[in-house]
């Protein structure tokens, strides 16, 4: 895992929703355009110039927020994870922990592994 991926994971594991709030209107515009272009042309067939045109921004604006096209793709995952997977994961873990506070740690870990 590279340092950018570690930063993303650390942001996702924070208890608050500040990551979503940190995404600017311009970034949302770019992300929305990227979803459309990637779905029409596929990741490999898409160019950042296509995304810029769809987002109605200069191509350089994309690189202000996302260093590479791959990073842009990763950026699409953050809102998805925040909205859907993070709550499911924490709810599931909370339910496992509620089964009994006095359970041995190996039973708790086994339940977590089965759940995952």
PDB file of N, CA and C in Angstrom:
ATOM      1  N   UNK A   1       0.858  -1.178   0.000  1.00  0.00           N
ATOM      2  CA  UNK A   1       0.000   0.000   0.000  1.00  0.00           C
ATOM      3  C   UNK A   1       0.897   1.232   0.000  1.00  0.00           C
ATOM      4  N   UNK A   2       0.689   2.146  -0.970  1.00  0.00           N
ATOM      5  CA  UNK A   2       1.513   3.348  -1.023  1.00  0.00           C
ATOM      6  C   UNK A   2       0.996   4.386  -0.030  1.00  0.00           C
ATOM      7  N   UNK A   3       1.730   5.485   0.128  1.00  0.00           N
ATOM      8  CA  UNK A   3       1.378   6.481   1.142  1.00  0.00           C
ATOM      9  C   UNK A   3       0.043   7.160   0.849  1.00  0.00           C
ATOM     10  N   UNK A   4      -0.299   7.366  -0.446  1.00  0.00           N
ATOM     11  CA  UNK A   4      -1.600   7.953  -0.784  1.00  0.00           C
ATOM     12  C   UNK A   4      -2.734   7.031  -0.346  1.00  0.00           C
ATOM     13  N   UNK A   5      -2.559   5.730  -0.577  1.00  0.00           N
ATOM     14  CA  UNK A   5      -3.586   4.771  -0.170  1.00  0.00           C
ATOM     15  C   UNK A   5      -3.706   4.713   1.341  1.00  0.00           C
ATOM     16  N   UNK A   6      -2.587   4.805   2.056  1.00  0.00           N
ATOM     17  CA  UNK A   6      -2.617   4.823   3.519  1.00  0.00           C
ATOM     18  C   UNK A   6      -3.379   6.051   4.017  1.00  0.00           C
ATOM     19  N   UNK A   7      -3.148   7.201   3.390  1.00  0.00           N
ATOM     20  CA  UNK A   7      -3.861   8.427   3.774  1.00  0.00           C
ATOM     21  C   UNK A   7      -5.356   8.267   3.578  1.00  0.00           C
ATOM     22  N   UNK A   8      -5.761   7.647   2.467  1.00  0.00           N
ATOM     23  CA  UNK A   8      -7.174   7.430   2.189  1.00  0.00           C
ATOM     24  C   UNK A   8      -7.781   6.536   3.252  1.00  0.00           C
ATOM     25  N   UNK A   9      -7.103   5.442   3.583  1.00  0.00           N
ATOM     26  CA  UNK A   9      -7.608   4.511   4.595  1.00  0.00           C
ATOM     27  C   UNK A   9      -7.723   5.205   5.946  1.00  0.00           C
ATOM     28  N   UNK A  10      -6.713   5.997   6.322  1.00  0.00           N
ATOM     29  CA  UNK A  10      -6.759   6.705   7.596  1.00  0.00           C
ATOM     30  C   UNK A  10      -7.931   7.674   7.647  1.00  0.00           C
ATOM     31  N   UNK A  11      -8.197   8.399   6.550  1.00  0.00           N
ATOM     32  CA  UNK A  11      -9.334   9.310   6.508  1.00  0.00           C
ATOM     33  C   UNK A  11     -10.646   8.561   6.668  1.00  0.00           C
ATOM     34  N   UNK A  12     -10.742   7.405   6.038  1.00  0.00           N
ATOM     35  CA  UNK A  12     -11.978   6.633   6.092  1.00  0.00           C
ATOM     36  C   UNK A  12     -12.257   6.092   7.483  1.00  0.00           C
ATOM     37  N   UNK A  13     -11.213   5.840   8.250  1.00  0.00           N
ATOM     38  CA  UNK A  13     -11.391   5.258   9.572  1.00  0.00           C
ATOM     39  C   UNK A  13     -11.623   6.306  10.651  1.00  0.00           C
ATOM     40  N   UNK A  14     -11.519   7.581  10.306  1.00  0.00           N
ATOM     41  CA  UNK A  14     -11.817   8.633  11.270  1.00  0.00           C
ATOM     42  C   UNK A  14     -13.277   8.528  11.686  1.00  0.00           C
ATOM     43  N   UNK A  15     -13.593   8.931  12.909  1.00  0.00           N
ATOM     44  CA  UNK A  15     -14.956   8.801  13.428  1.00  0.00           C
ATOM     45  C   UNK A  15     -15.931   9.808  12.840  1.00  0.00           C
ATOM     46  N   UNK A  16     -15.444  10.919  12.312  1.00  0.00           N
ATOM     47  CA  UNK A  16     -16.363  11.938  11.801  1.00  0.00           C
ATOM     48  C   UNK A  16     -16.524  11.834  10.291  1.00  0.00           C
ATOM     49  N   UNK A  17     -17.365  12.686   9.732  1.00  0.00           N
ATOM     50  CA  UNK A  17     -17.611  12.683   8.291  1.00  0.00           C
ATOM     51  C   UNK A  17     -16.897  13.833   7.603  1.00  0.00           C
ATOM     52  N   UNK A  18     -15.798  14.309   8.174  1.00  0.00           N
ATOM     53  CA  UNK A  18     -15.117  15.476   7.616  1.00  0.00           C
ATOM     54  C   UNK A  18     -14.550  15.206   6.226  1.00  0.00           C
ATOM     55  N   UNK A  19     -14.242  13.950   5.902  1.00  0.00           N
ATOM     56  CA  UNK A  19     -13.686  13.660   4.584  1.00  0.00           C
ATOM     57  C   UNK A  19     -14.654  14.081   3.492  1.00  0.00           C
ATOM     58  N   UNK A  20     -15.927  13.776   3.681  1.00  0.00           N
ATOM     59  CA  UNK A  20     -16.924  14.145   2.681  1.00  0.00           C
ATOM     60  C   UNK A  20     -17.029  15.661   2.567  1.00  0.00           C
ATOM     61  N   UNK A  21     -16.960  16.359   3.702  1.00  0.00           N
ATOM     62  CA  UNK A  21     -17.066  17.811   3.696  1.00  0.00           C
ATOM     63  C   UNK A  21     -15.844  18.463   3.066  1.00  0.00           C
ATOM     64  N   UNK A  22     -14.702  17.772   3.089  1.00  0.00           N
ATOM     65  CA  UNK A  22     -13.477  18.320   2.523  1.00  0.00           C
ATOM     66  C   UNK A  22     -13.510  18.328   0.999  1.00  0.00           C
ATOM     67  N   UNK A  23     -14.394  17.573   0.391  1.00  0.00           N
ATOM     68  CA  UNK A  23     -14.481  17.524  -1.063  1.00  0.00           C
ATOM     69  C   UNK A  23     -15.214  18.775  -1.534  1.00  0.00           C
ATOM     70  N   UNK A  24     -14.550  19.575  -2.339  1.00  0.00           N
ATOM     71  CA  UNK A  24     -15.114  20.841  -2.781  1.00  0.00           C
ATOM     72  C   UNK A  24     -16.141  20.629  -3.891  1.00  0.00           C
ATOM     73  N   UNK A  25     -16.885  21.685  -4.177  1.00  0.00           N
ATOM     74  CA  UNK A  25     -17.864  21.638  -5.267  1.00  0.00           C
ATOM     75  C   UNK A  25     -17.165  21.312  -6.594  1.00  0.00           C
ATOM     76  N   UNK A  26     -16.020  21.884  -6.822  1.00  0.00           N
ATOM     77  CA  UNK A  26     -15.266  21.646  -8.054  1.00  0.00           C
ATOM     78  C   UNK A  26     -14.829  20.183  -8.141  1.00  0.00           C
ATOM     79  N   UNK A  27     -14.389  19.617  -7.014  1.00  0.00           N
ATOM     80  CA  UNK A  27     -13.998  18.214  -7.006  1.00  0.00           C
ATOM     81  C   UNK A  27     -15.195  17.315  -7.319  1.00  0.00           C
ATOM     82  N   UNK A  28     -16.360  17.631  -6.737  1.00  0.00           N
ATOM     83  CA  UNK A  28     -17.569  16.851  -7.034  1.00  0.00           C
ATOM     84  C   UNK A  28     -17.881  16.924  -8.526  1.00  0.00           C
ATOM     85  N   UNK A  29     -17.714  18.101  -9.096  1.00  0.00           N
ATOM     86  CA  UNK A  29     -17.959  18.307 -10.528  1.00  0.00           C
ATOM     87  C   UNK A  29     -17.042  17.383 -11.345  1.00  0.00           C
ATOM     88  N   UNK A  30     -15.785  17.324 -10.956  1.00  0.00           N
ATOM     89  CA  UNK A  30     -14.816  16.470 -11.653  1.00  0.00           C
ATOM     90  C   UNK A  30     -15.153  14.997 -11.439  1.00  0.00           C
ATOM     91  N   UNK A  31     -15.481  14.628 -10.209  1.00  0.00           N
ATOM     92  CA  UNK A  31     -15.816  13.231  -9.908  1.00  0.00           C
ATOM     93  C   UNK A  31     -17.056  12.776 -10.675  1.00  0.00           C
ATOM     94  N   UNK A  32     -18.062  13.628 -10.727  1.00  0.00           N
ATOM     95  CA  UNK A  32     -19.275  13.294 -11.489  1.00  0.00           C
ATOM     96  C   UNK A  32     -18.955  13.083 -12.969  1.00  0.00           C
ATOM     97  N   UNK A  33     -18.128  13.967 -13.507  1.00  0.00           N
ATOM     98  CA  UNK A  33     -17.736  13.839 -14.917  1.00  0.00           C
ATOM     99  C   UNK A  33     -16.927  12.563 -15.134  1.00  0.00           C
ATOM    100  N   UNK A  34     -16.058  12.247 -14.190  1.00  0.00           N
ATOM    101  CA  UNK A  34     -15.237  11.034 -14.316  1.00  0.00           C
ATOM    102  C   UNK A  34     -16.110   9.785 -14.331  1.00  0.00           C
ATOM    103  N   UNK A  35     -17.138   9.749 -13.493  1.00  0.00           N
ATOM    104  CA  UNK A  35     -18.051   8.602 -13.480  1.00  0.00           C
ATOM    105  C   UNK A  35     -18.685   8.434 -14.856  1.00  0.00           C
ATOM    106  N   UNK A  36     -19.130   9.534 -15.419  1.00  0.00           N
ATOM    107  CA  UNK A  36     -19.786   9.473 -16.729  1.00  0.00           C
ATOM    108  C   UNK A  36     -18.811   9.016 -17.817  1.00  0.00           C
ATOM    109  N   UNK A  37     -17.636   9.607 -17.854  1.00  0.00           N
ATOM    110  CA  UNK A  37     -16.661   9.274 -18.901  1.00  0.00           C
ATOM    111  C   UNK A  37     -16.140   7.847 -18.712  1.00  0.00           C
ATOM    112  N   UNK A  38     -15.822   7.450 -17.481  1.00  0.00           N
ATOM    113  CA  UNK A  38     -15.338   6.087 -17.239  1.00  0.00           C
ATOM    114  C   UNK A  38     -16.396   5.058 -17.613  1.00  0.00           C
ATOM    115  N   UNK A  39     -17.666   5.367 -17.332  1.00  0.00           N
ATOM    116  CA  UNK A  39     -18.723   4.391 -17.647  1.00  0.00           C
ATOM    117  C   UNK A  39     -18.950   4.286 -19.156  1.00  0.00           C
ATOM    118  N   UNK A  40     -18.739   5.366 -19.875  1.00  0.00           N
ATOM    119  CA  UNK A  40     -18.924   5.346 -21.328  1.00  0.00           C
ATOM    120  C   UNK A  40     -17.727   4.747 -22.060  1.00  0.00           C
ATOM    121  N   UNK A  41     -16.512   5.082 -21.612  1.00  0.00           N
ATOM    122  CA  UNK A  41     -15.311   4.713 -22.365  1.00  0.00           C
ATOM    123  C   UNK A  41     -14.426   3.697 -21.644  1.00  0.00           C
ATOM    124  N   UNK A  42     -14.752   3.383 -20.411  1.00  0.00           N
ATOM    125  CA  UNK A  42     -13.871   2.535 -19.615  1.00  0.00           C
ATOM    126  C   UNK A  42     -12.700   3.349 -19.094  1.00  0.00           C
ATOM    127  N   UNK A  43     -12.047   2.822 -18.079  1.00  0.00           N
ATOM    128  CA  UNK A  43     -10.929   3.561 -17.480  1.00  0.00           C
ATOM    129  C   UNK A  43      -9.798   3.767 -18.482  1.00  0.00           C
ATOM    130  N   UNK A  44      -9.382   2.703 -19.142  1.00  0.00           N
ATOM    131  CA  UNK A  44      -8.257   2.789 -20.079  1.00  0.00           C
ATOM    132  C   UNK A  44      -8.565   3.677 -21.281  1.00  0.00           C
ATOM    133  N   UNK A  45      -9.808   3.666 -21.737  1.00  0.00           N
ATOM    134  CA  UNK A  45     -10.179   4.442 -22.911  1.00  0.00           C
ATOM    135  C   UNK A  45     -10.477   5.904 -22.619  1.00  0.00           C
ATOM    136  N   UNK A  46     -10.510   6.260 -21.354  1.00  0.00           N
ATOM    137  CA  UNK A  46     -10.814   7.640 -20.963  1.00  0.00           C
ATOM    138  C   UNK A  46      -9.544   8.471 -20.894  1.00  0.00           C
ATOM    139  N   UNK A  47      -9.682   9.741 -21.247  1.00  0.00           N
ATOM    140  CA  UNK A  47      -8.570  10.680 -21.127  1.00  0.00           C
ATOM    141  C   UNK A  47      -8.991  11.782 -20.167  1.00  0.00           C
ATOM    142  N   UNK A  48      -8.030  12.347 -19.484  1.00  0.00           N
ATOM    143  CA  UNK A  48      -8.356  13.434 -18.564  1.00  0.00           C
ATOM    144  C   UNK A  48      -8.929  14.627 -19.321  1.00  0.00           C
ATOM    145  N   UNK A  49      -8.555  14.791 -20.576  1.00  0.00           N
ATOM    146  CA  UNK A  49      -9.130  15.888 -21.365  1.00  0.00           C
ATOM    147  C   UNK A  49     -10.633  15.655 -21.586  1.00  0.00           C
ATOM    148  N   UNK A  50     -11.044  14.392 -21.745  1.00  0.00           N
ATOM    149  CA  UNK A  50     -12.475  14.073 -21.872  1.00  0.00           C
ATOM    150  C   UNK A  50     -13.214  14.421 -20.586  1.00  0.00           C
ATOM    151  N   UNK A  51     -12.593  14.092 -19.466  1.00  0.00           N
ATOM    152  CA  UNK A  51     -13.212  14.363 -18.156  1.00  0.00           C
ATOM    153  C   UNK A  51     -13.304  15.871 -17.936  1.00  0.00           C
ATOM    154  N   UNK A  52     -12.246  16.590 -18.284  1.00  0.00           N
ATOM    155  CA  UNK A  52     -12.250  18.047 -18.135  1.00  0.00           C
ATOM    156  C   UNK A  52     -13.356  18.680 -18.972  1.00  0.00           C
ATOM    157  N   UNK A  53     -13.501  18.214 -20.194  1.00  0.00           N
ATOM    158  CA  UNK A  53     -14.545  18.736 -21.072  1.00  0.00           C
ATOM    159  C   UNK A  53     -15.924  18.479 -20.476  1.00  0.00           C
ATOM    160  N   UNK A  54     -16.139  17.267 -19.993  1.00  0.00           N
ATOM    161  CA  UNK A  54     -17.431  16.914 -19.388  1.00  0.00           C
ATOM    162  C   UNK A  54     -17.700  17.735 -18.127  1.00  0.00           C
ATOM    163  N   UNK A  55     -16.655  17.994 -17.349  1.00  0.00           N
ATOM    164  CA  UNK A  55     -16.792  18.752 -16.099  1.00  0.00           C
ATOM    165  C   UNK A  55     -16.810  20.265 -16.330  1.00  0.00           C
ATOM    166  N   UNK A  56     -16.517  20.662 -17.567  1.00  0.00           N
ATOM    167  CA  UNK A  56     -16.448  22.082 -17.917  1.00  0.00           C
ATOM    168  C   UNK A  56     -15.389  22.815 -17.099  1.00  0.00           C
ATOM    169  N   UNK A  57     -14.204  22.161 -17.001  1.00  0.00           N
ATOM    170  CA  UNK A  57     -13.063  22.765 -16.333  1.00  0.00           C
ATOM    171  C   UNK A  57     -11.839  22.577 -17.226  1.00  0.00           C
ATOM    172  N   UNK A  58     -10.792  23.324 -16.935  1.00  0.00           N
ATOM    173  CA  UNK A  58      -9.530  23.131 -17.656  1.00  0.00           C
ATOM    174  C   UNK A  58      -8.908  21.815 -17.200  1.00  0.00           C
ATOM    175  N   UNK A  59      -8.190  21.158 -18.093  1.00  0.00           N
ATOM    176  CA  UNK A  59      -7.564  19.887 -17.738  1.00  0.00           C
ATOM    177  C   UNK A  59      -6.614  20.058 -16.552  1.00  0.00           C
ATOM    178  N   UNK A  60      -5.946  21.180 -16.473  1.00  0.00           N
ATOM    179  CA  UNK A  60      -5.043  21.449 -15.348  1.00  0.00           C
ATOM    180  C   UNK A  60      -5.762  21.469 -14.008  1.00  0.00           C
ATOM    181  N   UNK A  61      -7.041  21.841 -14.026  1.00  0.00           N
ATOM    182  CA  UNK A  61      -7.826  21.862 -12.799  1.00  0.00           C
ATOM    183  C   UNK A  61      -7.962  20.461 -12.220  1.00  0.00           C
ATOM    184  N   UNK A  62      -8.110  19.481 -13.081  1.00  0.00           N
ATOM    185  CA  UNK A  62      -8.188  18.089 -12.610  1.00  0.00           C
ATOM    186  C   UNK A  62      -6.922  17.741 -11.853  1.00  0.00           C
ATOM    187  N   UNK A  63      -5.759  18.113 -12.425  1.00  0.00           N
ATOM    188  CA  UNK A  63      -4.482  17.760 -11.810  1.00  0.00           C
ATOM    189  C   UNK A  63      -4.193  18.586 -10.559  1.00  0.00           C
ATOM    190  N   UNK A  64      -4.935  19.661 -10.357  1.00  0.00           N
ATOM    191  CA  UNK A  64      -4.821  20.417  -9.103  1.00  0.00           C
ATOM    192  C   UNK A  64      -5.326  19.563  -7.942  1.00  0.00           C
ATOM    193  N   UNK A  65      -6.364  18.767  -8.206  1.00  0.00           N
ATOM    194  CA  UNK A  65      -6.980  17.946  -7.164  1.00  0.00           C
ATOM    195  C   UNK A  65      -6.526  16.492  -7.186  1.00  0.00           C
ATOM    196  N   UNK A  66      -6.224  15.969  -8.356  1.00  0.00           N
ATOM    197  CA  UNK A  66      -5.869  14.556  -8.520  1.00  0.00           C
ATOM    198  C   UNK A  66      -4.588  14.475  -9.351  1.00  0.00           C
ATOM    199  N   UNK A  67      -3.530  13.901  -8.794  1.00  0.00           N
ATOM    200  CA  UNK A  67      -2.228  13.871  -9.465  1.00  0.00           C
ATOM    201  C   UNK A  67      -2.241  13.040 -10.745  1.00  0.00           C
ATOM    202  N   UNK A  68      -3.029  11.968 -10.741  1.00  0.00           N
ATOM    203  CA  UNK A  68      -3.063  11.062 -11.890  1.00  0.00           C
ATOM    204  C   UNK A  68      -4.503  10.608 -12.135  1.00  0.00           C
ATOM    205  N   UNK A  69      -4.717   9.990 -13.262  1.00  0.00           N
ATOM    206  CA  UNK A  69      -6.039   9.430 -13.565  1.00  0.00           C
ATOM    207  C   UNK A  69      -6.370   8.310 -12.575  1.00  0.00           C
ATOM    208  N   UNK A  70      -5.367   7.552 -12.186  1.00  0.00           N
ATOM    209  CA  UNK A  70      -5.568   6.485 -11.199  1.00  0.00           C
ATOM    210  C   UNK A  70      -6.008   7.071  -9.856  1.00  0.00           C
ATOM    211  N   UNK A  71      -5.416   8.182  -9.465  1.00  0.00           N
ATOM    212  CA  UNK A  71      -5.801   8.835  -8.211  1.00  0.00           C
ATOM    213  C   UNK A  71      -7.241   9.356  -8.302  1.00  0.00           C
ATOM    214  N   UNK A  72      -7.626   9.809  -9.466  1.00  0.00           N
ATOM    215  CA  UNK A  72      -9.007  10.244  -9.692  1.00  0.00           C
ATOM    216  C   UNK A  72      -9.963   9.071  -9.489  1.00  0.00           C
ATOM    217  N   UNK A  73      -9.598   7.913 -10.003  1.00  0.00           N
ATOM    218  CA  UNK A  73     -10.415   6.710  -9.814  1.00  0.00           C
ATOM    219  C   UNK A  73     -10.520   6.366  -8.333  1.00  0.00           C
ATOM    220  N   UNK A  74      -9.413   6.457  -7.613  1.00  0.00           N
ATOM    221  CA  UNK A  74      -9.442   6.218  -6.162  1.00  0.00           C
ATOM    222  C   UNK A  74     -10.343   7.241  -5.476  1.00  0.00           C
ATOM    223  N   UNK A  75     -10.299   8.476  -5.960  1.00  0.00           N
ATOM    224  CA  UNK A  75     -11.140   9.527  -5.387  1.00  0.00           C
ATOM    225  C   UNK A  75     -12.621   9.235  -5.508  1.00  0.00           C
ATOM    226  N   UNK A  76     -12.988   8.485  -6.525  1.00  0.00           N
ATOM    227  CA  UNK A  76     -14.392   8.089  -6.690  1.00  0.00           C
ATOM    228  C   UNK A  76     -14.830   7.114  -5.612  1.00  0.00           C
ATOM    229  N   UNK A  77     -13.879   6.385  -5.059  1.00  0.00           N
ATOM    230  CA  UNK A  77     -14.209   5.370  -4.072  1.00  0.00           C
ATOM    231  C   UNK A  77     -14.505   5.963  -2.696  1.00  0.00           C
ATOM    232  N   UNK A  78     -13.911   7.086  -2.370  1.00  0.00           N
ATOM    233  CA  UNK A  78     -14.068   7.651  -1.030  1.00  0.00           C
ATOM    234  C   UNK A  78     -15.529   7.939  -0.695  1.00  0.00           C
ATOM    235  N   UNK A  79     -16.274   8.681  -1.536  1.00  0.00           N
ATOM    236  CA  UNK A  79     -17.677   8.921  -1.191  1.00  0.00           C
ATOM    237  C   UNK A  79     -18.495   7.630  -1.094  1.00  0.00           C
ATOM    238  N   UNK A  80     -18.215   6.678  -1.960  1.00  0.00           N
ATOM    239  CA  UNK A  80     -18.921   5.404  -1.934  1.00  0.00           C
ATOM    240  C   UNK A  80     -18.681   4.681  -0.608  1.00  0.00           C
ATOM    241  N   UNK A  81     -17.440   4.616  -0.202  1.00  0.00           N
ATOM    242  CA  UNK A  81     -17.099   3.939   1.047  1.00  0.00           C
ATOM    243  C   UNK A  81     -17.703   4.674   2.234  1.00  0.00           C
ATOM    244  N   UNK A  82     -17.618   6.005   2.231  1.00  0.00           N
ATOM    245  CA  UNK A  82     -18.174   6.776   3.344  1.00  0.00           C
ATOM    246  C   UNK A  82     -19.668   6.568   3.499  1.00  0.00           C
ATOM    247  N   UNK A  83     -20.376   6.553   2.399  1.00  0.00           N
ATOM    248  CA  UNK A  83     -21.838   6.464   2.456  1.00  0.00           C
ATOM    249  C   UNK A  83     -22.357   5.060   2.724  1.00  0.00           C
ATOM    250  N   UNK A  84     -21.688   4.041   2.183  1.00  0.00           N
ATOM    251  CA  UNK A  84     -22.260   2.703   2.238  1.00  0.00           C
ATOM    252  C   UNK A  84     -21.469   1.704   3.071  1.00  0.00           C
ATOM    253  N   UNK A  85     -20.180   1.572   2.805  1.00  0.00           N
ATOM    254  CA  UNK A  85     -19.427   0.495   3.427  1.00  0.00           C
ATOM    255  C   UNK A  85     -18.987   0.791   4.853  1.00  0.00           C
ATOM    256  N   UNK A  86     -18.599   2.025   5.135  1.00  0.00           N
ATOM    257  CA  UNK A  86     -18.158   2.349   6.484  1.00  0.00           C
ATOM    258  C   UNK A  86     -19.278   2.122   7.497  1.00  0.00           C
ATOM    259  N   UNK A  87     -20.494   2.638   7.276  1.00  0.00           N
ATOM    260  CA  UNK A  87     -21.565   2.376   8.242  1.00  0.00           C
ATOM    261  C   UNK A  87     -21.888   0.885   8.398  1.00  0.00           C
ATOM    262  N   UNK A  88     -21.889   0.153   7.282  1.00  0.00           N
ATOM    263  CA  UNK A  88     -22.167  -1.287   7.370  1.00  0.00           C
ATOM    264  C   UNK A  88     -21.102  -1.990   8.198  1.00  0.00           C
ATOM    265  N   UNK A  89     -19.854  -1.638   7.969  1.00  0.00           N
ATOM    266  CA  UNK A  89     -18.762  -2.285   8.677  1.00  0.00           C
ATOM    267  C   UNK A  89     -18.845  -2.014  10.176  1.00  0.00           C
ATOM    268  N   UNK A  90     -19.061  -0.757  10.555  1.00  0.00           N
ATOM    269  CA  UNK A  90     -19.097  -0.423  11.967  1.00  0.00           C
ATOM    270  C   UNK A  90     -20.344  -0.971  12.647  1.00  0.00           C
ATOM    271  N   UNK A  91     -21.472  -1.001  11.954  1.00  0.00           N
ATOM    272  CA  UNK A  91     -22.673  -1.604  12.528  1.00  0.00           C
ATOM    273  C   UNK A  91     -22.463  -3.083  12.784  1.00  0.00           C
ATOM    274  N   UNK A  92     -21.839  -3.755  11.846  1.00  0.00           N
ATOM    275  CA  UNK A  92     -21.562  -5.177  11.974  1.00  0.00           C
ATOM    276  C   UNK A  92     -20.633  -5.439  13.153  1.00  0.00           C
ATOM    277  N   UNK A  93     -19.567  -4.667  13.279  1.00  0.00           N
ATOM    278  CA  UNK A  93     -18.635  -4.840  14.388  1.00  0.00           C
ATOM    279  C   UNK A  93     -19.309  -4.535  15.727  1.00  0.00           C
ATOM    280  N   UNK A  94     -20.153  -3.540  15.743  1.00  0.00           N
ATOM    281  CA  UNK A  94     -20.874  -3.197  16.964  1.00  0.00           C
ATOM    282  C   UNK A  94     -21.770  -4.360  17.405  1.00  0.00           C
ATOM    283  N   UNK A  95     -22.440  -4.988  16.446  1.00  0.00           N
ATOM    284  CA  UNK A  95     -23.286  -6.139  16.771  1.00  0.00           C
ATOM    285  C   UNK A  95     -22.478  -7.307  17.318  1.00  0.00           C
ATOM    286  N   UNK A  96     -21.311  -7.527  16.763  1.00  0.00           N
ATOM    287  CA  UNK A  96     -20.435  -8.598  17.259  1.00  0.00           C
ATOM    288  C   UNK A  96     -20.007  -8.301  18.690  1.00  0.00           C
ATOM    289  N   UNK A  97     -19.675  -7.057  18.955  1.00  0.00           N
ATOM    290  CA  UNK A  97     -19.220  -6.691  20.292  1.00  0.00           C
ATOM    291  C   UNK A  97     -20.348  -6.769  21.327  1.00  0.00           C
ATOM    292  N   UNK A  98     -21.588  -6.576  20.898  1.00  0.00           N
ATOM    293  CA  UNK A  98     -22.730  -6.624  21.810  1.00  0.00           C
ATOM    294  C   UNK A  98     -23.066  -8.044  22.268  1.00  0.00           C
ATOM    295  N   UNK A  99     -22.534  -9.052  21.575  1.00  0.00           N
ATOM    296  CA  UNK A  99     -22.855 -10.439  21.910  1.00  0.00           C
ATOM    297  C   UNK A  99     -22.438 -10.807  23.331  1.00  0.00           C
ATOM    298  N   UNK A 100     -21.527 -10.112  23.865  1.00  0.00           N
ATOM    299  CA  UNK A 100     -21.083 -10.397  25.225  1.00  0.00           C
ATOM    300  C   UNK A 100     -19.729  -9.802  25.497  1.00  0.00           C
ATOM    301  N   UNK A 101     -19.687  -8.964  26.488  1.00  0.00           N
ATOM    302  CA  UNK A 101     -18.433  -8.270  26.789  1.00  0.00           C
ATOM    303  C   UNK A 101     -17.421  -9.187  27.459  1.00  0.00           C
ATOM    304  N   UNK A 102     -17.887 -10.269  28.023  1.00  0.00           N
ATOM    305  CA  UNK A 102     -16.990 -11.162  28.752  1.00  0.00           C
ATOM    306  C   UNK A 102     -16.483 -12.325  27.893  1.00  0.00           C
ATOM    307  N   UNK A 103     -16.764 -12.291  26.611  1.00  0.00           N
ATOM    308  CA  UNK A 103     -16.319 -13.368  25.729  1.00  0.00           C
ATOM    309  C   UNK A 103     -14.810 -13.319  25.550  1.00  0.00           C
ATOM    310  N   UNK A 104     -14.198 -14.483  25.368  1.00  0.00           N
ATOM    311  CA  UNK A 104     -12.745 -14.508  25.101  1.00  0.00           C
ATOM    312  C   UNK A 104     -12.438 -13.795  23.781  1.00  0.00           C
ATOM    313  N   UNK A 105     -11.277 -13.169  23.735  1.00  0.00           N
ATOM    314  CA  UNK A 105     -10.884 -12.399  22.559  1.00  0.00           C
ATOM    315  C   UNK A 105     -10.823 -13.266  21.313  1.00  0.00           C
ATOM    316  N   UNK A 106     -10.448 -14.550  21.450  1.00  0.00           N
ATOM    317  CA  UNK A 106     -10.364 -15.407  20.273  1.00  0.00           C
ATOM    318  C   UNK A 106     -11.740 -15.645  19.654  1.00  0.00           C
ATOM    319  N   UNK A 107     -12.792 -15.691  20.466  1.00  0.00           N
ATOM    320  CA  UNK A 107     -14.154 -15.827  19.936  1.00  0.00           C
ATOM    321  C   UNK A 107     -14.578 -14.557  19.202  1.00  0.00           C
ATOM    322  N   UNK A 108     -14.248 -13.424  19.774  1.00  0.00           N
ATOM    323  CA  UNK A 108     -14.582 -12.142  19.137  1.00  0.00           C
ATOM    324  C   UNK A 108     -13.867 -12.029  17.798  1.00  0.00           C
ATOM    325  N   UNK A 109     -12.572 -12.354  17.778  1.00  0.00           N
ATOM    326  CA  UNK A 109     -11.797 -12.268  16.543  1.00  0.00           C
ATOM    327  C   UNK A 109     -12.324 -13.245  15.493  1.00  0.00           C
ATOM    328  N   UNK A 110     -12.728 -14.432  15.929  1.00  0.00           N
ATOM    329  CA  UNK A 110     -13.288 -15.411  14.999  1.00  0.00           C
ATOM    330  C   UNK A 110     -14.571 -14.866  14.375  1.00  0.00           C
ATOM    331  N   UNK A 111     -15.448 -14.282  15.193  1.00  0.00           N
ATOM    332  CA  UNK A 111     -16.689 -13.699  14.674  1.00  0.00           C
ATOM    333  C   UNK A 111     -16.409 -12.566  13.684  1.00  0.00           C
ATOM    334  N   UNK A 112     -15.414 -11.752  13.975  1.00  0.00           N
ATOM    335  CA  UNK A 112     -15.048 -10.650  13.075  1.00  0.00           C
ATOM    336  C   UNK A 112     -14.541 -11.223  11.740  1.00  0.00           C
ATOM    337  N   UNK A 113     -13.709 -12.232  11.803  1.00  0.00           N
ATOM    338  CA  UNK A 113     -13.176 -12.838  10.566  1.00  0.00           C
ATOM    339  C   UNK A 113     -14.289 -13.479   9.741  1.00  0.00           C
ATOM    340  N   UNK A 114     -15.209 -14.153  10.406  1.00  0.00           N
ATOM    341  CA  UNK A 114     -16.335 -14.762   9.676  1.00  0.00           C
ATOM    342  C   UNK A 114     -17.186 -13.682   9.025  1.00  0.00           C
ATOM    343  N   UNK A 115     -17.407 -12.598   9.734  1.00  0.00           N
ATOM    344  CA  UNK A 115     -18.224 -11.493   9.214  1.00  0.00           C
ATOM    345  C   UNK A 115     -17.577 -10.827   7.995  1.00  0.00           C
ATOM    346  N   UNK A 116     -16.281 -10.703   8.043  1.00  0.00           N
ATOM    347  CA  UNK A 116     -15.576 -10.042   6.949  1.00  0.00           C
ATOM    348  C   UNK A 116     -15.540 -10.937   5.743  1.00  0.00           C
TER     349      UNK A 116
END
